[in-house]
Amino acid sequence: MVERAAELLRQARSFHDRQLATHRRVFRLGTSRIFLTTGQVVTTSGSLLWANSTVAAGMPGWVFWGVVIGGYLGGRFAFPIPDSSIASKRGPVAVVPLGPAQLDTMTPDEIRAYENNMLLQHPNSEPRSLGAIQALHRHQQAVRAAAEATGAYTKALARLSTADAVACAAIAARHEEIRGRWLAYEVDPKLQIEYPAMSDISFPPTAAMIKAMRAADQAKTSANPAEYRSAVEAFGDALAAAEAAAGVTPP
């Protein structure tokens, strides 16, 4: 029983920690120092409605307050102010304006947190002047291009920064360039005659190149630019090594 309770407590703490790390919009109550999330407003409002129904049903006053307090605490637990917010004790003390180049190195959640923090810090700011809206639009375009180039799931790519999404598309272009170079040895009759080893999988350097190519193909849809770049570079190096071993004359 004690172990079960400890496990439930651990799961609850883990859930709350994940919620603290999840971006959500934070609102200021008027000009006060009170900050709320949408989830907190909804749960507190819902508990008030439920609490009023207990009064109408003739239940004791402590039930009313129990429901209200439970809703309020439940909202703070399930929909807390995220750590990325300046409204959080664990969040940044202040934020400074960022330019397009800096915003493009941030993930969508980081961009939204920046925008929310700037609006909390400077309530009279015009949202469009902060650059977040434009940055998110650039991010959508970059993700769309990366998805078309790599075949990776858009949902996975959407977690990347704009810069990383652009990098994925660029790596895919390099990948196709290397693949095209290898395919020439497979389809060009002249190259097949001159360099038969390049299409002979029993030739160790060619076998190693094929293995590296498959690894690059697998990394292509990983939505991990560092992993994909490393695999493509390894493919390029393996192809160059196979060409050297087969006696291919550099152009």
C-alpha atoms as a PDB file:
ATOM      1  CA  MET A   1       0.000   0.000   0.000  1.00  0.00           C
ATOM      2  CA  VAL A   2       2.820   2.364   0.927  1.00  0.00           C
ATOM      3  CA  GLU A   3       4.703   1.480  -2.259  1.00  0.00           C
ATOM      4  CA  ARG A   4       1.585   2.116  -4.332  1.00  0.00           C
ATOM      5  CA  ALA A   5       1.108   5.514  -2.703  1.00  0.00           C
ATOM      6  CA  ALA A   6       4.764   6.376  -3.324  1.00  0.00           C
ATOM      7  CA  GLU A   7       4.408   5.385  -6.980  1.00  0.00           C
ATOM      8  CA  LEU A   8       1.277   7.532  -7.399  1.00  0.00           C
ATOM      9  CA  LEU A   9       3.095  10.441  -5.784  1.00  0.00           C
ATOM     10  CA  ARG A  10       6.044   9.960  -8.134  1.00  0.00           C
ATOM     11  CA  GLN A  11       3.740   9.892 -11.159  1.00  0.00           C
ATOM     12  CA  ALA A  12       1.940  13.025  -9.971  1.00  0.00           C
ATOM     13  CA  ARG A  13       5.236  14.846  -9.475  1.00  0.00           C
ATOM     14  CA  SER A  14       6.432  13.716 -12.913  1.00  0.00           C
ATOM     15  CA  PHE A  15       3.190  14.956 -14.503  1.00  0.00           C
ATOM     16  CA  HIS A  16       3.493  18.321 -12.774  1.00  0.00           C
ATOM     17  CA  ASP A  17       7.129  18.668 -13.872  1.00  0.00           C
ATOM     18  CA  ARG A  18       6.105  17.997 -17.486  1.00  0.00           C
ATOM     19  CA  GLN A  19       3.381  20.614 -17.186  1.00  0.00           C
ATOM     20  CA  LEU A  20       5.896  23.145 -15.858  1.00  0.00           C
ATOM     21  CA  ALA A  21       8.033  22.503 -18.943  1.00  0.00           C
ATOM     22  CA  THR A  22       5.074  22.859 -21.335  1.00  0.00           C
ATOM     23  CA  HIS A  23       4.438  26.266 -22.858  1.00  0.00           C
ATOM     24  CA  ARG A  24       1.053  27.843 -22.157  1.00  0.00           C
ATOM     25  CA  ARG A  25      -0.085  31.417 -22.397  1.00  0.00           C
ATOM     26  CA  VAL A  26      -0.006  33.417 -19.158  1.00  0.00           C
ATOM     27  CA  PHE A  27      -2.334  36.340 -18.500  1.00  0.00           C
ATOM     28  CA  ARG A  28      -2.066  39.186 -16.026  1.00  0.00           C
ATOM     29  CA  LEU A  29      -5.189  39.972 -13.989  1.00  0.00           C
ATOM     30  CA  GLY A  30      -5.680  43.642 -14.810  1.00  0.00           C
ATOM     31  CA  THR A  31      -2.705  45.669 -13.622  1.00  0.00           C
ATOM     32  CA  SER A  32      -2.131  43.457 -10.586  1.00  0.00           C
ATOM     33  CA  ARG A  33       0.723  41.062  -9.895  1.00  0.00           C
ATOM     34  CA  ILE A  34      -1.647  38.119 -10.216  1.00  0.00           C
ATOM     35  CA  PHE A  35      -0.910  35.838 -13.173  1.00  0.00           C
ATOM     36  CA  LEU A  36      -3.129  33.042 -14.456  1.00  0.00           C
ATOM     37  CA  THR A  37      -3.171  30.467 -17.231  1.00  0.00           C
ATOM     38  CA  THR A  38      -6.268  29.634 -19.262  1.00  0.00           C
ATOM     39  CA  GLY A  39      -6.467  26.223 -17.616  1.00  0.00           C
ATOM     40  CA  GLN A  40      -6.459  27.790 -14.156  1.00  0.00           C
ATOM     41  CA  VAL A  41      -9.276  30.160 -15.134  1.00  0.00           C
ATOM     42  CA  VAL A  42     -11.353  27.296 -16.539  1.00  0.00           C
ATOM     43  CA  THR A  43     -10.876  24.962 -13.564  1.00  0.00           C
ATOM     44  CA  THR A  44     -11.498  27.708 -10.996  1.00  0.00           C
ATOM     45  CA  SER A  45     -14.604  28.941 -12.823  1.00  0.00           C
ATOM     46  CA  GLY A  46     -15.864  25.386 -13.159  1.00  0.00           C
ATOM     47  CA  SER A  47     -15.344  24.726  -9.466  1.00  0.00           C
ATOM     48  CA  LEU A  48     -17.283  27.901  -8.592  1.00  0.00           C
ATOM     49  CA  LEU A  49     -20.238  26.756 -10.685  1.00  0.00           C
ATOM     50  CA  TRP A  50     -20.110  23.333  -9.084  1.00  0.00           C
ATOM     51  CA  ALA A  51     -19.744  24.865  -5.628  1.00  0.00           C
ATOM     52  CA  ASN A  52     -22.837  27.021  -6.185  1.00  0.00           C
ATOM     53  CA  SER A  53     -24.791  23.907  -7.066  1.00  0.00           C
ATOM     54  CA  THR A  54     -23.844  22.396  -3.704  1.00  0.00           C
ATOM     55  CA  VAL A  55     -25.318  25.452  -1.975  1.00  0.00           C
ATOM     56  CA  ALA A  56     -28.519  25.106  -3.990  1.00  0.00           C
ATOM     57  CA  ALA A  57     -28.637  21.456  -2.957  1.00  0.00           C
ATOM     58  CA  GLY A  58     -28.469  22.485   0.707  1.00  0.00           C
ATOM     59  CA  MET A  59     -25.062  20.977   1.410  1.00  0.00           C
ATOM     60  CA  PRO A  60     -22.894  22.296   4.269  1.00  0.00           C
ATOM     61  CA  GLY A  61     -20.735  25.376   3.723  1.00  0.00           C
ATOM     62  CA  TRP A  62     -17.517  23.399   4.038  1.00  0.00           C
ATOM     63  CA  VAL A  63     -18.464  21.473   0.883  1.00  0.00           C
ATOM     64  CA  PHE A  64     -18.716  24.778  -1.021  1.00  0.00           C
ATOM     65  CA  TRP A  65     -15.267  25.886   0.078  1.00  0.00           C
ATOM     66  CA  GLY A  66     -13.807  22.429  -0.439  1.00  0.00           C
ATOM     67  CA  VAL A  67     -14.935  22.408  -4.070  1.00  0.00           C
ATOM     68  CA  VAL A  68     -13.666  25.964  -4.690  1.00  0.00           C
ATOM     69  CA  ILE A  69     -10.264  25.330  -3.112  1.00  0.00           C
ATOM     70  CA  GLY A  70      -9.994  21.956  -4.838  1.00  0.00           C
ATOM     71  CA  GLY A  71     -10.663  23.534  -8.231  1.00  0.00           C
ATOM     72  CA  TYR A  72      -8.165  26.308  -7.593  1.00  0.00           C
ATOM     73  CA  LEU A  73      -5.401  23.948  -6.436  1.00  0.00           C
ATOM     74  CA  GLY A  74      -6.225  21.490  -9.205  1.00  0.00           C
ATOM     75  CA  GLY A  75      -5.778  24.240 -11.778  1.00  0.00           C
ATOM     76  CA  ARG A  76      -2.425  25.251 -10.314  1.00  0.00           C
ATOM     77  CA  PHE A  77      -1.299  21.618 -10.380  1.00  0.00           C
ATOM     78  CA  ALA A  78      -2.545  20.609 -13.840  1.00  0.00           C
ATOM     79  CA  PHE A  79      -2.093  23.940 -15.642  1.00  0.00           C
ATOM     80  CA  PRO A  80       0.740  25.729 -13.825  1.00  0.00           C
ATOM     81  CA  ILE A  81       2.533  28.845 -14.970  1.00  0.00           C
ATOM     82  CA  PRO A  82       5.416  27.368 -17.012  1.00  0.00           C
ATOM     83  CA  ASP A  83       9.025  27.780 -15.964  1.00  0.00           C
ATOM     84  CA  SER A  84       9.684  29.676 -19.197  1.00  0.00           C
ATOM     85  CA  SER A  85       7.428  32.552 -18.088  1.00  0.00           C
ATOM     86  CA  ILE A  86       8.662  35.684 -16.337  1.00  0.00           C
ATOM     87  CA  ALA A  87       5.620  35.209 -14.098  1.00  0.00           C
ATOM     88  CA  SER A  88       7.251  32.070 -12.678  1.00  0.00           C
ATOM     89  CA  LYS A  89       9.691  32.225  -9.782  1.00  0.00           C
ATOM     90  CA  ARG A  90      11.859  29.819 -11.781  1.00  0.00           C
ATOM     91  CA  GLY A  91      11.528  31.824 -14.997  1.00  0.00           C
ATOM     92  CA  PRO A  92      13.653  34.617 -16.472  1.00  0.00           C
ATOM     93  CA  VAL A  93      13.771  37.903 -14.582  1.00  0.00           C
ATOM     94  CA  ALA A  94      13.381  39.930 -17.774  1.00  0.00           C
ATOM     95  CA  VAL A  95      13.413  39.512 -21.536  1.00  0.00           C
ATOM     96  CA  VAL A  96      14.992  41.631 -24.253  1.00  0.00           C
ATOM     97  CA  PRO A  97      13.829  42.167 -27.839  1.00  0.00           C
ATOM     98  CA  LEU A  98      15.190  39.607 -30.297  1.00  0.00           C
ATOM     99  CA  GLY A  99      15.814  39.905 -34.021  1.00  0.00           C
ATOM    100  CA  PRO A 100      14.777  37.489 -36.800  1.00  0.00           C
ATOM    101  CA  ALA A 101      18.118  35.645 -36.791  1.00  0.00           C
ATOM    102  CA  GLN A 102      17.824  34.923 -33.058  1.00  0.00           C
ATOM    103  CA  LEU A 103      14.165  33.917 -33.276  1.00  0.00           C
ATOM    104  CA  ASP A 104      14.990  31.483 -36.085  1.00  0.00           C
ATOM    105  CA  THR A 105      17.226  29.511 -33.703  1.00  0.00           C
ATOM    106  CA  MET A 106      14.300  28.964 -31.322  1.00  0.00           C
ATOM    107  CA  THR A 107      11.587  26.298 -31.335  1.00  0.00           C
ATOM    108  CA  PRO A 108       7.932  27.345 -31.762  1.00  0.00           C
ATOM    109  CA  ASP A 109       7.266  26.968 -28.025  1.00  0.00           C
ATOM    110  CA  GLU A 110      10.296  29.118 -27.232  1.00  0.00           C
ATOM    111  CA  ILE A 111       9.095  31.767 -29.683  1.00  0.00           C
ATOM    112  CA  ARG A 112       5.622  31.778 -28.134  1.00  0.00           C
ATOM    113  CA  ALA A 113       7.102  31.986 -24.641  1.00  0.00           C
ATOM    114  CA  TYR A 114       9.247  34.942 -25.743  1.00  0.00           C
ATOM    115  CA  GLU A 115       6.207  36.706 -27.205  1.00  0.00           C
ATOM    116  CA  ASN A 116       4.122  36.073 -24.080  1.00  0.00           C
ATOM    117  CA  ASN A 117       6.923  37.315 -21.827  1.00  0.00           C
ATOM    118  CA  MET A 118       7.395  40.472 -23.882  1.00  0.00           C
ATOM    119  CA  LEU A 119       3.670  41.210 -23.684  1.00  0.00           C
ATOM    120  CA  LEU A 120       3.667  40.625 -19.917  1.00  0.00           C
ATOM    121  CA  GLN A 121       6.703  42.864 -19.522  1.00  0.00           C
ATOM    122  CA  HIS A 122       5.441  45.507 -21.973  1.00  0.00           C
ATOM    123  CA  PRO A 123       1.609  45.297 -21.932  1.00  0.00           C
ATOM    124  CA  ASN A 124       1.201  48.087 -24.478  1.00  0.00           C
ATOM    125  CA  SER A 125       3.385  46.410 -27.096  1.00  0.00           C
ATOM    126  CA  GLU A 126       1.897  45.600 -30.484  1.00  0.00           C
ATOM    127  CA  PRO A 127       2.226  41.781 -30.902  1.00  0.00           C
ATOM    128  CA  ARG A 128       3.243  42.032 -34.553  1.00  0.00           C
ATOM    129  CA  SER A 129       6.109  44.382 -33.679  1.00  0.00           C
ATOM    130  CA  LEU A 130       7.743  41.658 -31.581  1.00  0.00           C
ATOM    131  CA  GLY A 131       8.537  39.530 -34.634  1.00  0.00           C
ATOM    132  CA  ALA A 132       7.117  36.309 -33.176  1.00  0.00           C
ATOM    133  CA  ILE A 133       4.236  36.110 -35.652  1.00  0.00           C
ATOM    134  CA  GLN A 134       6.613  36.479 -38.579  1.00  0.00           C
ATOM    135  CA  ALA A 135       9.051  33.980 -37.021  1.00  0.00           C
ATOM    136  CA  LEU A 136       6.320  31.359 -36.651  1.00  0.00           C
ATOM    137  CA  HIS A 137       5.323  31.896 -40.283  1.00  0.00           C
ATOM    138  CA  ARG A 138       8.931  31.367 -41.397  1.00  0.00           C
ATOM    139  CA  HIS A 139       9.023  28.251 -39.257  1.00  0.00           C
ATOM    140  CA  GLN A 140       5.931  26.799 -40.945  1.00  0.00           C
ATOM    141  CA  GLN A 141       7.455  27.381 -44.367  1.00  0.00           C
ATOM    142  CA  ALA A 142      10.772  25.820 -43.334  1.00  0.00           C
ATOM    143  CA  VAL A 143       9.044  22.767 -41.850  1.00  0.00           C
ATOM    144  CA  ARG A 144       6.962  22.303 -44.996  1.00  0.00           C
ATOM    145  CA  ALA A 145      10.079  22.457 -47.181  1.00  0.00           C
ATOM    146  CA  ALA A 146      11.975  20.066 -44.891  1.00  0.00           C
ATOM    147  CA  ALA A 147       9.087  17.576 -44.901  1.00  0.00           C
ATOM    148  CA  GLU A 148       9.015  17.573 -48.701  1.00  0.00           C
ATOM    149  CA  ALA A 149      12.785  17.170 -48.912  1.00  0.00           C
ATOM    150  CA  THR A 150      13.237  14.455 -46.283  1.00  0.00           C
ATOM    151  CA  GLY A 151       9.910  12.650 -46.042  1.00  0.00           C
ATOM    152  CA  ALA A 152       9.999  13.077 -42.252  1.00  0.00           C
ATOM    153  CA  TYR A 153       6.758  13.584 -40.358  1.00  0.00           C
ATOM    154  CA  THR A 154       5.741  17.227 -40.155  1.00  0.00           C
ATOM    155  CA  LYS A 155       4.869  16.768 -36.477  1.00  0.00           C
ATOM    156  CA  ALA A 156       8.440  15.695 -35.702  1.00  0.00           C
ATOM    157  CA  LEU A 157       9.974  18.500 -37.760  1.00  0.00           C
ATOM    158  CA  ALA A 158       7.673  21.052 -36.110  1.00  0.00           C
ATOM    159  CA  ARG A 159       9.577  20.616 -32.847  1.00  0.00           C
ATOM    160  CA  LEU A 160      12.771  21.893 -34.470  1.00  0.00           C
ATOM    161  CA  SER A 161      13.881  25.485 -34.799  1.00  0.00           C
ATOM    162  CA  THR A 162      13.584  27.197 -38.172  1.00  0.00           C
ATOM    163  CA  ALA A 163      17.361  26.999 -38.574  1.00  0.00           C
ATOM    164  CA  ASP A 164      17.358  23.245 -37.955  1.00  0.00           C
ATOM    165  CA  ALA A 165      14.446  22.690 -40.347  1.00  0.00           C
ATOM    166  CA  VAL A 166      16.294  24.632 -43.049  1.00  0.00           C
ATOM    167  CA  ALA A 167      19.396  22.551 -42.295  1.00  0.00           C
ATOM    168  CA  CYS A 168      17.428  19.325 -42.804  1.00  0.00           C
ATOM    169  CA  ALA A 169      16.376  20.464 -46.275  1.00  0.00           C
ATOM    170  CA  ALA A 170      19.954  21.457 -47.154  1.00  0.00           C
ATOM    171  CA  ILE A 171      21.323  18.118 -45.935  1.00  0.00           C
ATOM    172  CA  ALA A 172      18.687  16.328 -48.026  1.00  0.00           C
ATOM    173  CA  ALA A 173      19.914  18.193 -51.110  1.00  0.00           C
ATOM    174  CA  ARG A 174      23.482  17.094 -50.358  1.00  0.00           C
ATOM    175  CA  HIS A 175      22.221  13.547 -49.767  1.00  0.00           C
ATOM    176  CA  GLU A 176      20.571  13.457 -53.199  1.00  0.00           C
ATOM    177  CA  GLU A 177      23.724  14.825 -54.810  1.00  0.00           C
ATOM    178  CA  ILE A 178      25.831  12.006 -53.339  1.00  0.00           C
ATOM    179  CA  ARG A 179      23.197   9.404 -54.220  1.00  0.00           C
ATOM    180  CA  GLY A 180      23.113  10.695 -57.795  1.00  0.00           C
ATOM    181  CA  ARG A 181      26.871  10.320 -58.019  1.00  0.00           C
ATOM    182  CA  TRP A 182      26.618   6.702 -56.923  1.00  0.00           C
ATOM    183  CA  LEU A 183      23.674   5.905 -59.215  1.00  0.00           C
ATOM    184  CA  ALA A 184      25.728   7.012 -62.198  1.00  0.00           C
ATOM    185  CA  TYR A 185      27.880   3.902 -61.712  1.00  0.00           C
ATOM    186  CA  GLU A 186      24.733   1.775 -61.782  1.00  0.00           C
ATOM    187  CA  VAL A 187      23.024   3.197 -64.871  1.00  0.00           C
ATOM    188  CA  ASP A 188      25.802   4.603 -67.066  1.00  0.00           C
ATOM    189  CA  PRO A 189      27.090   1.782 -69.350  1.00  0.00           C
ATOM    190  CA  LYS A 190      30.419   3.535 -69.861  1.00  0.00           C
ATOM    191  CA  LEU A 191      31.050   3.837 -66.110  1.00  0.00           C
ATOM    192  CA  GLN A 192      29.930   0.243 -65.588  1.00  0.00           C
ATOM    193  CA  ILE A 193      32.621  -0.929 -67.994  1.00  0.00           C
ATOM    194  CA  GLU A 194      35.338   1.394 -66.690  1.00  0.00           C
ATOM    195  CA  TYR A 195      34.656   0.866 -62.964  1.00  0.00           C
ATOM    196  CA  PRO A 196      32.850  -2.464 -62.454  1.00  0.00           C
ATOM    197  CA  ALA A 197      33.891  -2.557 -58.792  1.00  0.00           C
ATOM    198  CA  MET A 198      31.565   0.377 -58.048  1.00  0.00           C
ATOM    199  CA  SER A 199      28.517  -1.824 -58.640  1.00  0.00           C
ATOM    200  CA  ASP A 200      30.027  -4.988 -57.174  1.00  0.00           C
ATOM    201  CA  ILE A 201      28.715  -5.497 -53.631  1.00  0.00           C
ATOM    202  CA  SER A 202      31.355  -8.178 -53.035  1.00  0.00           C
ATOM    203  CA  PHE A 203      33.980  -5.441 -53.309  1.00  0.00           C
ATOM    204  CA  PRO A 204      34.524  -4.415 -49.630  1.00  0.00           C
ATOM    205  CA  PRO A 205      34.704  -0.630 -50.183  1.00  0.00           C
ATOM    206  CA  THR A 206      31.495  -0.767 -52.245  1.00  0.00           C
ATOM    207  CA  ALA A 207      29.790  -2.893 -49.591  1.00  0.00           C
ATOM    208  CA  ALA A 208      30.816  -0.358 -46.938  1.00  0.00           C
ATOM    209  CA  MET A 209      29.457   2.442 -49.107  1.00  0.00           C
ATOM    210  CA  ILE A 210      26.114   0.637 -49.530  1.00  0.00           C
ATOM    211  CA  LYS A 211      25.902   0.212 -45.757  1.00  0.00           C
ATOM    212  CA  ALA A 212      26.604   3.922 -45.219  1.00  0.00           C
ATOM    213  CA  MET A 213      24.004   4.812 -47.851  1.00  0.00           C
ATOM    214  CA  ARG A 214      21.343   2.776 -46.063  1.00  0.00           C
ATOM    215  CA  ALA A 215      22.221   4.469 -42.771  1.00  0.00           C
ATOM    216  CA  ALA A 216      21.819   7.871 -44.437  1.00  0.00           C
ATOM    217  CA  ASP A 217      18.475   6.811 -45.911  1.00  0.00           C
ATOM    218  CA  GLN A 218      17.311   5.767 -42.460  1.00  0.00           C
ATOM    219  CA  ALA A 219      18.487   9.017 -40.855  1.00  0.00           C
ATOM    220  CA  LYS A 220      16.730  11.052 -43.550  1.00  0.00           C
ATOM    221  CA  THR A 221      13.343  10.775 -41.826  1.00  0.00           C
ATOM    222  CA  SER A 222      14.675  11.093 -38.274  1.00  0.00           C
ATOM    223  CA  ALA A 223      14.000  14.866 -38.015  1.00  0.00           C
ATOM    224  CA  ASN A 224      17.387  15.025 -36.302  1.00  0.00           C
ATOM    225  CA  PRO A 225      19.667  17.335 -38.311  1.00  0.00           C
ATOM    226  CA  ALA A 226      22.847  16.401 -36.429  1.00  0.00           C
ATOM    227  CA  GLU A 227      22.256  12.673 -36.900  1.00  0.00           C
ATOM    228  CA  TYR A 228      21.248  13.136 -40.539  1.00  0.00           C
ATOM    229  CA  ARG A 229      24.249  15.341 -41.352  1.00  0.00           C
ATOM    230  CA  SER A 230      26.625  12.832 -39.773  1.00  0.00           C
ATOM    231  CA  ALA A 231      25.095   9.951 -41.750  1.00  0.00           C
ATOM    232  CA  VAL A 232      25.229  11.851 -45.053  1.00  0.00           C
ATOM    233  CA  GLU A 233      28.846  12.851 -44.454  1.00  0.00           C
ATOM    234  CA  ALA A 234      29.678   9.212 -43.704  1.00  0.00           C
ATOM    235  CA  PHE A 235      27.938   8.193 -46.942  1.00  0.00           C
ATOM    236  CA  GLY A 236      29.941  10.765 -48.902  1.00  0.00           C
ATOM    237  CA  ASP A 237      33.201   9.645 -47.305  1.00  0.00           C
ATOM    238  CA  ALA A 238      32.402   5.975 -48.000  1.00  0.00           C
ATOM    239  CA  LEU A 239      31.589   6.745 -51.640  1.00  0.00           C
ATOM    240  CA  ALA A 240      34.842   8.668 -52.041  1.00  0.00           C
ATOM    241  CA  ALA A 241      36.752   5.764 -50.475  1.00  0.00           C
ATOM    242  CA  ALA A 242      35.072   3.268 -52.812  1.00  0.00           C
ATOM    243  CA  GLU A 243      35.861   5.448 -55.829  1.00  0.00           C
ATOM    244  CA  ALA A 244      39.499   5.688 -54.792  1.00  0.00           C
ATOM    245  CA  ALA A 245      39.727   1.933 -54.280  1.00  0.00           C
ATOM    246  CA  ALA A 246      38.077   1.298 -57.658  1.00  0.00           C
ATOM    247  CA  GLY A 247      40.546   3.592 -59.381  1.00  0.00           C
ATOM    248  CA  VAL A 248      38.049   6.275 -60.336  1.00  0.00           C
ATOM    249  CA  THR A 249      39.841   9.260 -61.814  1.00  0.00           C
ATOM    250  CA  PRO A 250      38.724  12.517 -60.144  1.00  0.00           C
ATOM    251  CA  PRO A 251      37.062  14.940 -62.600  1.00  0.00           C
END
